C-alpha atoms as a PDB file:
ATOM      1  CA  MET A   1     -12.345-133.602 134.160  1.00  0.00           C
ATOM      2  CA  SER A   2      -9.951-130.708 134.804  1.00  0.00           C
ATOM      3  CA  ILE A   3      -9.217-129.389 138.320  1.00  0.00           C
ATOM      4  CA  VAL A   4     -11.055-126.123 137.558  1.00  0.00           C
ATOM      5  CA  LYS A   5     -14.165-127.967 136.435  1.00  0.00           C
ATOM      6  CA  LYS A   6     -14.086-130.241 139.499  1.00  0.00           C
ATOM      7  CA  LEU A   7     -13.809-127.208 141.757  1.00  0.00           C
ATOM      8  CA  ALA A   8     -16.743-125.536 139.988  1.00  0.00           C
ATOM      9  CA  LEU A   9     -18.977-128.578 140.377  1.00  0.00           C
ATOM     10  CA  ASN A  10     -17.897-129.277 143.970  1.00  0.00           C
ATOM     11  CA  GLY A  11     -18.276-125.605 144.847  1.00  0.00           C
ATOM     12  CA  TYR A  12     -21.862-125.559 143.594  1.00  0.00           C
ATOM     13  CA  LEU A  13     -22.765-128.647 145.639  1.00  0.00           C
ATOM     14  CA  LYS A  14     -21.039-127.440 148.812  1.00  0.00           C
ATOM     15  CA  PHE A  15     -22.599-123.985 148.549  1.00  0.00           C
ATOM     16  CA  PHE A  16     -26.102-125.423 148.120  1.00  0.00           C
ATOM     17  CA  ILE A  17     -25.636-127.940 150.987  1.00  0.00           C
ATOM     18  CA  ALA A  18     -24.320-125.188 153.267  1.00  0.00           C
ATOM     19  CA  LEU A  19     -27.402-123.066 152.654  1.00  0.00           C
ATOM     20  CA  LYS A  20     -29.684-126.002 153.346  1.00  0.00           C
ATOM     21  CA  SER A  21     -27.848-127.012 156.555  1.00  0.00           C
ATOM     22  CA  LYS A  22     -28.179-123.467 157.907  1.00  0.00           C
ATOM     23  CA  GLY A  23     -31.912-123.489 157.280  1.00  0.00           C
ATOM     24  CA  ILE A  24     -31.730-120.515 154.933  1.00  0.00           C
ATOM     25  CA  LYS A  25     -34.965-120.271 152.982  1.00  0.00           C
ATOM     26  CA  THR A  26     -34.321-116.901 151.361  1.00  0.00           C
ATOM     27  CA  MET A  27     -31.064-115.741 149.831  1.00  0.00           C
ATOM     28  CA  SER A  28     -29.462-112.354 149.444  1.00  0.00           C
ATOM     29  CA  PRO A  29     -28.728-111.016 145.949  1.00  0.00           C
ATOM     30  CA  LEU A  30     -25.063-112.008 146.457  1.00  0.00           C
ATOM     31  CA  GLN A  31     -26.060-115.572 147.347  1.00  0.00           C
ATOM     32  CA  HIS A  32     -28.375-115.687 144.353  1.00  0.00           C
ATOM     33  CA  SER A  33     -25.518-114.563 142.116  1.00  0.00           C
ATOM     34  CA  MET A  34     -23.112-117.146 143.540  1.00  0.00           C
ATOM     35  CA  LEU A  35     -25.656-119.939 143.118  1.00  0.00           C
ATOM     36  CA  ILE A  36     -26.314-118.939 139.513  1.00  0.00           C
ATOM     37  CA  LEU A  37     -22.568-118.682 138.826  1.00  0.00           C
ATOM     38  CA  PHE A  38     -21.843-122.144 140.219  1.00  0.00           C
ATOM     39  CA  GLY A  39     -24.852-123.505 138.340  1.00  0.00           C
ATOM     40  CA  LEU A  40     -23.608-122.126 135.037  1.00  0.00           C
ATOM     41  CA  LEU A  41     -20.121-123.488 135.670  1.00  0.00           C
ATOM     42  CA  SER A  42     -21.485-126.952 136.434  1.00  0.00           C
ATOM     43  CA  LEU A  43     -23.637-126.790 133.287  1.00  0.00           C
ATOM     44  CA  GLN A  44     -20.503-125.856 131.352  1.00  0.00           C
ATOM     45  CA  VAL A  45     -18.814-128.961 132.799  1.00  0.00           C
ATOM     46  CA  HIS A  46     -21.678-131.136 131.580  1.00  0.00           C
ATOM     47  CA  ALA A  47     -21.535-129.590 128.112  1.00  0.00           C
ATOM     48  CA  THR A  48     -17.750-129.897 127.893  1.00  0.00           C
ATOM     49  CA  ASN A  49     -17.853-133.555 128.865  1.00  0.00           C
ATOM     50  CA  SER A  50     -20.268-134.315 126.027  1.00  0.00           C
ATOM     51  CA  ALA A  51     -18.470-136.078 123.208  1.00  0.00           C
ATOM     52  CA  PRO A  52     -17.540-133.621 120.415  1.00  0.00           C
ATOM     53  CA  ASP A  53     -19.347-135.827 117.911  1.00  0.00           C
ATOM     54  CA  ASN A  54     -22.574-135.140 119.812  1.00  0.00           C
ATOM     55  CA  TYR A  55     -22.501-131.410 119.121  1.00  0.00           C
ATOM     56  CA  THR A  56     -25.520-130.624 117.004  1.00  0.00           C
ATOM     57  CA  ASP A  57     -25.793-128.058 114.249  1.00  0.00           C
ATOM     58  CA  PHE A  58     -29.170-126.468 114.949  1.00  0.00           C
ATOM     59  CA  GLY A  59     -29.223-124.412 111.746  1.00  0.00           C
ATOM     60  CA  PRO A  60     -31.078-121.083 111.489  1.00  0.00           C
ATOM     61  CA  LEU A  61     -33.228-119.515 114.184  1.00  0.00           C
ATOM     62  CA  LEU A  62     -36.860-120.634 114.412  1.00  0.00           C
ATOM     63  CA  THR A  63     -38.226-117.116 114.884  1.00  0.00           C
ATOM     64  CA  LEU A  64     -41.624-116.149 113.487  1.00  0.00           C
ATOM     65  CA  THR A  65     -42.669-112.878 111.900  1.00  0.00           C
ATOM     66  CA  GLN A  66     -44.049-110.228 114.221  1.00  0.00           C
ATOM     67  CA  ALA A  67     -45.592-108.079 111.463  1.00  0.00           C
ATOM     68  CA  PRO A  68     -49.168-107.652 112.783  1.00  0.00           C
ATOM     69  CA  ILE A  69     -51.199-108.835 109.767  1.00  0.00           C
ATOM     70  CA  PRO A  70     -48.874-111.602 108.461  1.00  0.00           C
ATOM     71  CA  ALA A  71     -48.483-112.856 112.040  1.00  0.00           C
ATOM     72  CA  MET A  72     -52.200-113.663 112.191  1.00  0.00           C
ATOM     73  CA  GLY A  73     -51.782-116.280 109.459  1.00  0.00           C
ATOM     74  CA  LEU A  74     -49.265-118.702 107.994  1.00  0.00           C
ATOM     75  CA  SER A  75     -45.884-117.020 107.613  1.00  0.00           C
ATOM     76  CA  LEU A  76     -42.319-117.910 106.681  1.00  0.00           C
ATOM     77  CA  LYS A  77     -39.953-119.826 108.968  1.00  0.00           C
ATOM     78  CA  THR A  78     -36.372-120.208 107.696  1.00  0.00           C
ATOM     79  CA  ARG A  79     -35.411-123.891 107.359  1.00  0.00           C
ATOM     80  CA  ASP A  80     -32.190-125.891 107.158  1.00  0.00           C
ATOM     81  CA  ALA A  81     -32.200-127.836 103.873  1.00  0.00           C
ATOM     82  CA  PHE A  82     -29.795-130.527 105.096  1.00  0.00           C
ATOM     83  CA  GLY A  83     -31.365-133.875 105.935  1.00  0.00           C
ATOM     84  CA  TRP A  84     -31.142-135.569 109.322  1.00  0.00           C
ATOM     85  CA  GLU A  85     -30.290-139.122 110.254  1.00  0.00           C
ATOM     86  CA  LYS A  86     -33.377-141.337 110.320  1.00  0.00           C
ATOM     87  CA  GLY A  87     -35.078-141.332 113.721  1.00  0.00           C
ATOM     88  CA  THR A  88     -33.702-137.951 114.837  1.00  0.00           C
ATOM     89  CA  LEU A  89     -36.123-135.939 116.981  1.00  0.00           C
ATOM     90  CA  GLU A  90     -35.919-132.300 118.024  1.00  0.00           C
ATOM     91  CA  VAL A  91     -38.256-130.667 120.529  1.00  0.00           C
ATOM     92  CA  TYR A  92     -38.330-126.900 120.849  1.00  0.00           C
ATOM     93  CA  GLY A  93     -40.054-124.027 122.524  1.00  0.00           C
ATOM     94  CA  GLN A  94     -39.708-120.266 122.290  1.00  0.00           C
ATOM     95  CA  GLY A  95     -41.367-117.185 123.662  1.00  0.00           C
ATOM     96  CA  THR A  96     -41.511-113.742 122.057  1.00  0.00           C
ATOM     97  CA  VAL A  97     -42.549-110.317 123.316  1.00  0.00           C
ATOM     98  CA  SER A  98     -43.210-107.545 120.797  1.00  0.00           C
ATOM     99  CA  SER A  99     -44.169-103.906 120.707  1.00  0.00           C
ATOM    100  CA  VAL A 100     -46.314-102.883 117.747  1.00  0.00           C
ATOM    101  CA  TRP A 101     -46.349 -99.217 116.746  1.00  0.00           C
ATOM    102  CA  ALA A 102     -47.641 -97.961 113.409  1.00  0.00           C
ATOM    103  CA  ASP A 103     -48.988 -94.551 112.465  1.00  0.00           C
ATOM    104  CA  GLY A 104     -49.837 -94.721 108.789  1.00  0.00           C
ATOM    105  CA  ALA A 105     -52.015 -92.653 106.508  1.00  0.00           C
ATOM    106  CA  ASP A 106     -54.999 -94.941 107.015  1.00  0.00           C
ATOM    107  CA  TYR A 107     -54.547 -96.476 110.461  1.00  0.00           C
ATOM    108  CA  ILE A 108     -52.931 -96.378 113.897  1.00  0.00           C
ATOM    109  CA  ALA A 109     -51.834 -99.516 115.745  1.00  0.00           C
ATOM    110  CA  ASP A 110     -50.285 -99.324 119.212  1.00  0.00           C
ATOM    111  CA  TYR A 111     -50.232-102.475 121.337  1.00  0.00           C
ATOM    112  CA  TYR A 112     -48.165-105.392 122.613  1.00  0.00           C
ATOM    113  CA  GLN A 113     -48.258-108.956 121.376  1.00  0.00           C
ATOM    114  CA  ASN A 114     -46.670-111.993 123.006  1.00  0.00           C
ATOM    115  CA  ASP A 115     -46.408-115.542 121.727  1.00  0.00           C
ATOM    116  CA  VAL A 116     -45.438-119.045 122.778  1.00  0.00           C
ATOM    117  CA  ASN A 117     -44.453-121.525 120.064  1.00  0.00           C
ATOM    118  CA  ILE A 118     -43.775-125.178 120.959  1.00  0.00           C
ATOM    119  CA  GLY A 119     -43.279-128.166 118.693  1.00  0.00           C
ATOM    120  CA  PHE A 120     -41.181-131.060 117.503  1.00  0.00           C
ATOM    121  CA  ILE A 121     -39.339-132.013 114.309  1.00  0.00           C
ATOM    122  CA  TYR A 122     -38.945-135.694 113.436  1.00  0.00           C
ATOM    123  CA  ALA A 123     -36.992-137.410 110.641  1.00  0.00           C
ATOM    124  CA  PRO A 124     -38.858-140.586 109.528  1.00  0.00           C
ATOM    125  CA  ALA A 125     -36.134-141.075 106.891  1.00  0.00           C
ATOM    126  CA  ASP A 126     -32.729-139.562 106.128  1.00  0.00           C
ATOM    127  CA  ASP A 127     -34.165-137.107 103.602  1.00  0.00           C
ATOM    128  CA  TRP A 128     -37.554-136.360 105.226  1.00  0.00           C
ATOM    129  CA  LYS A 129     -38.496-134.074 108.141  1.00  0.00           C
ATOM    130  CA  ILE A 130     -41.868-133.414 109.768  1.00  0.00           C
ATOM    131  CA  ASP A 131     -42.469-130.335 111.951  1.00  0.00           C
ATOM    132  CA  VAL A 132     -45.604-130.151 114.110  1.00  0.00           C
ATOM    133  CA  ASN A 133     -45.978-127.032 116.232  1.00  0.00           C
ATOM    134  CA  TYR A 134     -48.520-125.018 118.189  1.00  0.00           C
ATOM    135  CA  LEU A 135     -48.633-121.220 118.398  1.00  0.00           C
ATOM    136  CA  TYR A 136     -50.462-119.168 121.005  1.00  0.00           C
ATOM    137  CA  ARG A 137     -50.247-115.392 120.630  1.00  0.00           C
ATOM    138  CA  PHE A 138     -52.059-112.866 122.816  1.00  0.00           C
ATOM    139  CA  ALA A 139     -52.224-109.154 123.599  1.00  0.00           C
ATOM    140  CA  GLY A 140     -50.561-108.573 126.963  1.00  0.00           C
ATOM    141  CA  ASN A 141     -48.661-105.769 128.666  1.00  0.00           C
ATOM    142  CA  ASN A 142     -44.964-106.650 128.379  1.00  0.00           C
ATOM    143  CA  LYS A 143     -43.785-103.092 129.226  1.00  0.00           C
ATOM    144  CA  LEU A 144     -41.549-102.820 126.155  1.00  0.00           C
ATOM    145  CA  ASP A 145     -42.439 -99.215 125.264  1.00  0.00           C
ATOM    146  CA  GLY A 146     -39.955 -97.715 127.714  1.00  0.00           C
ATOM    147  CA  LEU A 147     -37.159 -99.970 126.461  1.00  0.00           C
ATOM    148  CA  VAL A 148     -37.959 -99.212 122.819  1.00  0.00           C
ATOM    149  CA  ASN A 149     -38.047 -95.451 123.408  1.00  0.00           C
ATOM    150  CA  GLY A 150     -34.717 -95.612 125.218  1.00  0.00           C
ATOM    151  CA  PHE A 151     -33.219 -97.699 122.420  1.00  0.00           C
ATOM    152  CA  HIS A 152     -34.331 -95.197 119.787  1.00  0.00           C
ATOM    153  CA  ASP A 153     -33.064 -92.251 121.839  1.00  0.00           C
ATOM    154  CA  ALA A 154     -29.674 -93.880 122.442  1.00  0.00           C
ATOM    155  CA  LEU A 155     -29.129 -94.509 118.732  1.00  0.00           C
ATOM    156  CA  GLY A 156     -30.714 -91.268 117.559  1.00  0.00           C
ATOM    157  CA  LEU A 157     -33.398 -93.117 115.588  1.00  0.00           C
ATOM    158  CA  ASP A 158     -36.710 -91.603 114.522  1.00  0.00           C
ATOM    159  CA  ASP A 159     -39.481 -92.899 116.774  1.00  0.00           C
ATOM    160  CA  ASN A 160     -42.207 -92.173 114.184  1.00  0.00           C
ATOM    161  CA  GLY A 161     -44.369 -90.308 116.712  1.00  0.00           C
ATOM    162  CA  ARG A 162     -44.227 -92.874 119.525  1.00  0.00           C
ATOM    163  CA  HIS A 163     -43.181 -90.255 122.112  1.00  0.00           C
ATOM    164  CA  ASP A 164     -46.376 -88.306 121.397  1.00  0.00           C
ATOM    165  CA  VAL A 165     -48.668 -90.935 122.958  1.00  0.00           C
ATOM    166  CA  ASP A 166     -48.866 -92.741 126.293  1.00  0.00           C
ATOM    167  CA  ASN A 167     -46.975 -95.970 126.875  1.00  0.00           C
ATOM    168  CA  ASP A 168     -48.615 -99.385 127.266  1.00  0.00           C
ATOM    169  CA  ARG A 169     -51.717 -98.732 125.158  1.00  0.00           C
ATOM    170  CA  PHE A 170     -53.905-101.270 123.386  1.00  0.00           C
ATOM    171  CA  TYR A 171     -55.328 -99.170 120.594  1.00  0.00           C
ATOM    172  CA  ILE A 172     -56.134 -99.661 116.897  1.00  0.00           C
ATOM    173  CA  LYS A 173     -57.895 -97.084 114.710  1.00  0.00           C
ATOM    174  CA  ASN A 174     -58.964 -97.104 111.074  1.00  0.00           C
ATOM    175  CA  LYS A 175     -58.578 -93.459 110.036  1.00  0.00           C
ATOM    176  CA  LYS A 176     -60.791 -93.880 106.976  1.00  0.00           C
ATOM    177  CA  THR A 177     -63.830 -95.206 108.804  1.00  0.00           C
ATOM    178  CA  GLY A 178     -63.132 -93.834 112.281  1.00  0.00           C
ATOM    179  CA  THR A 179     -63.522 -97.325 113.751  1.00  0.00           C
ATOM    180  CA  THR A 180     -61.466 -97.854 116.906  1.00  0.00           C
ATOM    181  CA  LEU A 181     -60.564-100.881 118.977  1.00  0.00           C
ATOM    182  CA  GLU A 182     -59.370-100.163 122.512  1.00  0.00           C
ATOM    183  CA  ASP A 183     -58.450-101.935 125.749  1.00  0.00           C
ATOM    184  CA  PHE A 184     -58.169-105.392 124.200  1.00  0.00           C
ATOM    185  CA  GLN A 185     -55.441-106.511 126.593  1.00  0.00           C
ATOM    186  CA  GLY A 186     -55.769-110.246 127.222  1.00  0.00           C
ATOM    187  CA  ASP A 187     -57.387-111.042 123.872  1.00  0.00           C
ATOM    188  CA  THR A 188     -56.125-114.058 121.930  1.00  0.00           C
ATOM    189  CA  LEU A 189     -54.567-113.234 118.554  1.00  0.00           C
ATOM    190  CA  ASN A 190     -53.542-116.734 117.399  1.00  0.00           C
ATOM    191  CA  ASN A 191     -54.471-120.227 118.542  1.00  0.00           C
ATOM    192  CA  ALA A 192     -52.902-122.187 115.715  1.00  0.00           C
ATOM    193  CA  LEU A 193     -51.632-125.635 114.779  1.00  0.00           C
ATOM    194  CA  ASN A 194     -49.076-125.929 111.976  1.00  0.00           C
ATOM    195  CA  LEU A 195     -47.850-128.994 110.056  1.00  0.00           C
ATOM    196  CA  TYR A 196     -44.775-128.749 107.832  1.00  0.00           C
ATOM    197  CA  VAL A 197     -43.319-131.634 105.791  1.00  0.00           C
ATOM    198  CA  GLU A 198     -39.983-131.338 103.988  1.00  0.00           C
ATOM    199  CA  LYS A 199     -37.881-133.504 101.667  1.00  0.00           C
ATOM    200  CA  THR A 200     -34.202-132.933 100.928  1.00  0.00           C
ATOM    201  CA  VAL A 201     -33.883-133.316  97.162  1.00  0.00           C
ATOM    202  CA  PHE A 202     -30.171-132.545  96.788  1.00  0.00           C
ATOM    203  CA  GLU A 203     -27.308-132.736  99.273  1.00  0.00           C
ATOM    204  CA  THR A 204     -23.503-132.643  99.303  1.00  0.00           C
ATOM    205  CA  LYS A 205     -21.087-131.988 102.153  1.00  0.00           C
ATOM    206  CA  ARG A 206     -21.362-128.215 101.662  1.00  0.00           C
ATOM    207  CA  GLN A 207     -24.830-127.546 100.254  1.00  0.00           C
ATOM    208  CA  ALA A 208     -28.371-128.858 100.239  1.00  0.00           C
ATOM    209  CA  LEU A 209     -31.743-128.116  98.658  1.00  0.00           C
ATOM    210  CA  SER A 210     -35.126-129.078 100.081  1.00  0.00           C
ATOM    211  CA  LEU A 211     -38.790-128.661  99.194  1.00  0.00           C
ATOM    212  CA  GLY A 212     -41.567-128.480 101.760  1.00  0.00           C
ATOM    213  CA  GLY A 213     -45.262-127.890 102.245  1.00  0.00           C
ATOM    214  CA  ALA A 214     -47.251-126.492 105.173  1.00  0.00           C
ATOM    215  CA  LEU A 215     -50.803-126.669 106.487  1.00  0.00           C
ATOM    216  CA  TYR A 216     -51.963-124.113 109.051  1.00  0.00           C
ATOM    217  CA  TYR A 217     -55.196-124.029 111.061  1.00  0.00           C
ATOM    218  CA  ASN A 218     -56.033-121.121 113.364  1.00  0.00           C
ATOM    219  CA  LYS A 219     -59.116-120.952 115.582  1.00  0.00           C
ATOM    220  CA  VAL A 220     -59.613-118.024 117.953  1.00  0.00           C
ATOM    221  CA  PHE A 221     -62.849-118.751 119.778  1.00  0.00           C
ATOM    222  CA  ASN A 222     -63.740-115.369 121.267  1.00  0.00           C
ATOM    223  CA  GLY A 223     -62.653-111.766 121.749  1.00  0.00           C
ATOM    224  CA  ASN A 224     -62.090-108.955 119.284  1.00  0.00           C
ATOM    225  CA  PHE A 225     -59.902-111.170 117.085  1.00  0.00           C
ATOM    226  CA  ALA A 226     -62.161-114.225 116.919  1.00  0.00           C
ATOM    227  CA  GLN A 227     -61.574-116.000 113.613  1.00  0.00           C
ATOM    228  CA  SER A 228     -61.167-119.337 111.902  1.00  0.00           C
ATOM    229  CA  SER A 229     -58.705-119.842 109.056  1.00  0.00           C
ATOM    230  CA  PHE A 230     -57.075-122.628 107.071  1.00  0.00           C
ATOM    231  CA  GLU A 231     -53.991-121.759 104.992  1.00  0.00           C
ATOM    232  CA  GLN A 232     -51.395-123.621 102.930  1.00  0.00           C
ATOM    233  CA  ALA A 233     -47.876-122.977 101.623  1.00  0.00           C
ATOM    234  CA  ILE A 234     -45.085-124.495  99.585  1.00  0.00           C
ATOM    235  CA  GLN A 235     -41.497-123.671 100.487  1.00  0.00           C
ATOM    236  CA  LEU A 236     -38.035-123.978  98.926  1.00  0.00           C
ATOM    237  CA  ASN A 237     -34.931-124.032 101.152  1.00  0.00           C
ATOM    238  CA  TYR A 238     -31.222-123.864 100.327  1.00  0.00           C
ATOM    239  CA  ALA A 239     -28.248-124.191 102.693  1.00  0.00           C
ATOM    240  CA  PHE A 240     -24.613-123.513 101.896  1.00  0.00           C
ATOM    241  CA  TYR A 241     -21.551-123.930 104.122  1.00  0.00           C
ATOM    242  CA  LEU A 242     -18.880-121.555 102.858  1.00  0.00           C
ATOM    243  CA  THR A 243     -16.601-122.917 105.579  1.00  0.00           C
ATOM    244  CA  ASP A 244     -17.259-124.927 108.732  1.00  0.00           C
ATOM    245  CA  ALA A 245     -17.677-121.646 110.609  1.00  0.00           C
ATOM    246  CA  ASN A 246     -19.624-119.642 107.979  1.00  0.00           C
ATOM    247  CA  ARG A 247     -23.035-121.053 107.112  1.00  0.00           C
ATOM    248  CA  PHE A 248     -25.828-119.582 105.006  1.00  0.00           C
ATOM    249  CA  TYR A 249     -29.510-120.513 104.772  1.00  0.00           C
ATOM    250  CA  THR A 250     -32.238-119.121 102.565  1.00  0.00           C
ATOM    251  CA  SER A 251     -35.944-119.891 102.245  1.00  0.00           C
ATOM    252  CA  VAL A 252     -38.744-118.772  99.930  1.00  0.00           C
ATOM    253  CA  ASN A 253     -42.403-119.662 100.337  1.00  0.00           C
ATOM    254  CA  PHE A 254     -45.654-119.123  98.467  1.00  0.00           C
ATOM    255  CA  VAL A 255     -48.695-118.886 100.739  1.00  0.00           C
ATOM    256  CA  HIS A 256     -52.403-119.268 100.046  1.00  0.00           C
ATOM    257  CA  HIS A 257     -54.285-117.202 102.624  1.00  0.00           C
ATOM    258  CA  ASP A 258     -57.819-117.454 103.931  1.00  0.00           C
ATOM    259  CA  THR A 259     -59.124-114.054 102.809  1.00  0.00           C
ATOM    260  CA  ASP A 260     -62.186-114.213 105.078  1.00  0.00           C
ATOM    261  CA  SER A 261     -60.155-114.617 108.273  1.00  0.00           C
ATOM    262  CA  ILE A 262     -59.660-110.928 109.223  1.00  0.00           C
ATOM    263  CA  ASP A 263     -62.506-108.415 109.042  1.00  0.00           C
ATOM    264  CA  LEU A 264     -60.394-105.281 109.578  1.00  0.00           C
ATOM    265  CA  VAL A 265     -58.526-105.466 106.253  1.00  0.00           C
ATOM    266  CA  ASN A 266     -58.846-106.847 102.736  1.00  0.00           C
ATOM    267  CA  LEU A 267     -56.250-109.648 102.546  1.00  0.00           C
ATOM    268  CA  ARG A 268     -54.346-110.821  99.505  1.00  0.00           C
ATOM    269  CA  GLU A 269     -55.150-114.400  98.571  1.00  0.00           C
ATOM    270  CA  PHE A 270     -51.513-115.226  97.733  1.00  0.00           C
ATOM    271  CA  THR A 271     -48.216-113.836  99.033  1.00  0.00           C
ATOM    272  CA  THR A 272     -44.556-114.629  98.380  1.00  0.00           C
ATOM    273  CA  ASN A 273     -41.985-114.283 101.154  1.00  0.00           C
ATOM    274  CA  GLY A 274     -38.244-114.811 101.471  1.00  0.00           C
ATOM    275  CA  SER A 275     -35.385-114.824 103.955  1.00  0.00           C
ATOM    276  CA  ILE A 276     -31.626-115.166 104.104  1.00  0.00           C
ATOM    277  CA  SER A 277     -29.846-116.249 107.271  1.00  0.00           C
ATOM    278  CA  TYR A 278     -26.195-116.399 108.299  1.00  0.00           C
ATOM    279  CA  GLN A 279     -24.567-118.290 111.159  1.00  0.00           C
ATOM    280  CA  TYR A 280     -21.015-117.769 112.370  1.00  0.00           C
ATOM    281  CA  LEU A 281     -19.644-120.415 114.746  1.00  0.00           C
ATOM    282  CA  PHE A 282     -16.902-119.142 117.050  1.00  0.00           C
ATOM    283  CA  ASN A 283     -16.513-122.705 118.309  1.00  0.00           C
ATOM    284  CA  GLU A 284     -18.704-125.709 119.065  1.00  0.00           C
ATOM    285  CA  ARG A 285     -20.464-123.819 121.815  1.00  0.00           C
ATOM    286  CA  HIS A 286     -20.937-120.195 120.755  1.00  0.00           C
ATOM    287  CA  SER A 287     -22.407-118.776 117.572  1.00  0.00           C
ATOM    288  CA  ILE A 288     -24.078-115.620 116.340  1.00  0.00           C
ATOM    289  CA  LEU A 289     -26.855-115.520 113.772  1.00  0.00           C
ATOM    290  CA  ALA A 290     -28.274-112.818 111.544  1.00  0.00           C
ATOM    291  CA  GLU A 291     -31.354-113.014 109.357  1.00  0.00           C
ATOM    292  CA  PHE A 292     -33.153-110.682 106.991  1.00  0.00           C
ATOM    293  CA  ARG A 293     -36.788-111.501 106.258  1.00  0.00           C
ATOM    294  CA  MET A 294     -38.883-109.942 103.480  1.00  0.00           C
ATOM    295  CA  GLN A 295     -42.642-110.451 103.206  1.00  0.00           C
ATOM    296  CA  GLN A 296     -45.045-109.294 100.547  1.00  0.00           C
ATOM    297  CA  GLY A 297     -47.676-106.856 101.767  1.00  0.00           C
ATOM    298  CA  ALA A 298     -50.547-108.747 103.337  1.00  0.00           C
ATOM    299  CA  THR A 299     -53.315-106.540 101.952  1.00  0.00           C
ATOM    300  CA  HIS A 300     -54.414-105.067  98.643  1.00  0.00           C
ATOM    301  CA  ASN A 301     -53.207-101.664  97.462  1.00  0.00           C
ATOM    302  CA  ASP A 302     -56.122 -99.759  98.943  1.00  0.00           C
ATOM    303  CA  GLU A 303     -54.698-100.452 102.419  1.00  0.00           C
ATOM    304  CA  ASN A 304     -51.617 -98.249 101.868  1.00  0.00           C
ATOM    305  CA  GLU A 305     -48.604 -99.258 104.038  1.00  0.00           C
ATOM    306  CA  LEU A 306     -50.019-102.690 104.800  1.00  0.00           C
ATOM    307  CA  SER A 307     -49.776-103.530 101.105  1.00  0.00           C
ATOM    308  CA  MET A 308     -46.030-102.805 101.062  1.00  0.00           C
ATOM    309  CA  VAL A 309     -43.228-105.287 101.650  1.00  0.00           C
ATOM    310  CA  SER A 310     -42.211-105.690 105.301  1.00  0.00           C
ATOM    311  CA  PHE A 311     -38.528-106.016 106.199  1.00  0.00           C
ATOM    312  CA  GLU A 312     -37.402-107.622 109.450  1.00  0.00           C
ATOM    313  CA  PRO A 313     -33.693-107.834 110.378  1.00  0.00           C
ATOM    314  CA  ILE A 314     -32.988-110.341 113.158  1.00  0.00           C
ATOM    315  CA  VAL A 315     -29.824-110.751 115.235  1.00  0.00           C
ATOM    316  CA  GLY A 316     -29.327-113.639 117.634  1.00  0.00           C
ATOM    317  CA  TYR A 317     -26.919-115.591 119.818  1.00  0.00           C
ATOM    318  CA  ARG A 318     -26.861-119.364 120.375  1.00  0.00           C
ATOM    319  CA  TYR A 319     -25.251-121.266 123.240  1.00  0.00           C
ATOM    320  CA  ASN A 320     -24.808-124.889 122.180  1.00  0.00           C
ATOM    321  CA  LEU A 321     -24.758-127.505 124.942  1.00  0.00           C
ATOM    322  CA  GLY A 322     -24.082-130.282 122.458  1.00  0.00           C
ATOM    323  CA  PHE A 323     -27.383-132.039 123.030  1.00  0.00           C
ATOM    324  CA  ALA A 324     -29.396-128.802 123.203  1.00  0.00           C
ATOM    325  CA  ALA A 325     -29.217-125.082 122.507  1.00  0.00           C
ATOM    326  CA  VAL A 326     -30.403-121.866 124.113  1.00  0.00           C
ATOM    327  CA  GLU A 327     -31.123-119.004 121.699  1.00  0.00           C
ATOM    328  CA  PHE A 328     -31.757-115.307 122.203  1.00  0.00           C
ATOM    329  CA  SER A 329     -32.612-112.877 119.413  1.00  0.00           C
ATOM    330  CA  PHE A 330     -34.154-109.498 118.726  1.00  0.00           C
ATOM    331  CA  THR A 331     -36.123-108.336 115.704  1.00  0.00           C
ATOM    332  CA  GLU A 332     -36.482-104.794 114.360  1.00  0.00           C
ATOM    333  CA  ASN A 333     -38.284-103.359 111.348  1.00  0.00           C
ATOM    334  CA  VAL A 334     -36.713-101.209 108.661  1.00  0.00           C
ATOM    335  CA  ILE A 335     -37.681 -99.277 105.513  1.00  0.00           C
ATOM    336  CA  ASN A 336     -41.492 -99.576 105.807  1.00  0.00           C
ATOM    337  CA  SER A 337     -41.917 -98.939 109.514  1.00  0.00           C
ATOM    338  CA  ASP A 338     -45.717 -98.993 109.614  1.00  0.00           C
ATOM    339  CA  ASN A 339     -46.347-102.617 108.627  1.00  0.00           C
ATOM    340  CA  SER A 340     -44.232-104.576 111.109  1.00  0.00           C
ATOM    341  CA  ALA A 341     -43.650-104.781 114.860  1.00  0.00           C
ATOM    342  CA  ASP A 342     -41.396-102.027 116.173  1.00  0.00           C
ATOM    343  CA  PHE A 343     -39.246-104.295 118.343  1.00  0.00           C
ATOM    344  CA  SER A 344     -39.292-107.949 119.457  1.00  0.00           C
ATOM    345  CA  LEU A 345     -37.301-110.163 121.818  1.00  0.00           C
ATOM    346  CA  THR A 346     -37.258-113.970 121.552  1.00  0.00           C
ATOM    347  CA  LEU A 347     -35.862-116.611 123.910  1.00  0.00           C
ATOM    348  CA  GLY A 348     -35.842-120.232 122.765  1.00  0.00           C
ATOM    349  CA  TYR A 349     -34.716-123.724 123.780  1.00  0.00           C
ATOM    350  CA  ARG A 350     -34.101-126.674 121.450  1.00  0.00           C
ATOM    351  CA  GLN A 351     -33.073-130.238 122.250  1.00  0.00           C
ATOM    352  CA  ARG A 352     -32.105-133.005 119.848  1.00  0.00           C
ATOM    353  CA  PHE A 353     -32.528-136.742 120.503  1.00  0.00           C
END
């Protein structure tokens, strides 16, 4: 261990012991900052001392769509087509906060949605992977409207009428029928279990192809969004390493939806969705990721904007600890602005065994 790293670790321990010996139960902002700084430095020491061979390639982000209607059912998750060594296990968890704003010809939607997605991926054989995960999504006030408005103002982007209404609303209106849904803060949107099984069918050092299938069961027991649905999908994934630092991933899936699951709209029975993802590795520890996701409109043509393709660009950063990774990303919508969430932030943690 280098002298700098030893000083960082010793400094963290001495600082913490000094606080404890003085009986300090609350810390000033400066003390908080110093404790966090020493903690990060000691974590860096632990990561640096991990053997280089233990650094894991975590592949694309595990983000989920935040488009309001597709998000209520089985949607696309970009996958790494490369196989894992038999017995490998990854556990993961991520949380997302989103602001939904849409003012279309037939409807208005203005609310927040938040989700927690936890799961594990296991490789029973070198060319097989099994992903089991649970998703809980709910309507809750995450205060994103102010941030989104400021973001749009700073970049000179059109806010599509958002400034004309109050912040922090929970409001949906069907303009054709006049039906409104208000004050549904706290309602559950998804309570879902998802099983995904994948087989790598082709692999070289630089590229791989895999085929997978998914089963999705969602049961919301009460509230305005109470529903029960069972959906299925098949998915094709391809990964290509242009160089060790430049890595590409793409996925396409074909989903069979439960058309009776949502009363507010007339759902398509089948949709096709695709994504392309890029990862650039600065070194073993730091990487940036970008993804562009396209999803077929979730409803039939009589639902106007909701029947159009949704486009979600995603930009993220990954800090790789070798044995684990911390990921942060944000999602926007482009082109058809009235059929996807306006803005989303995701924070995730993944660990490989």
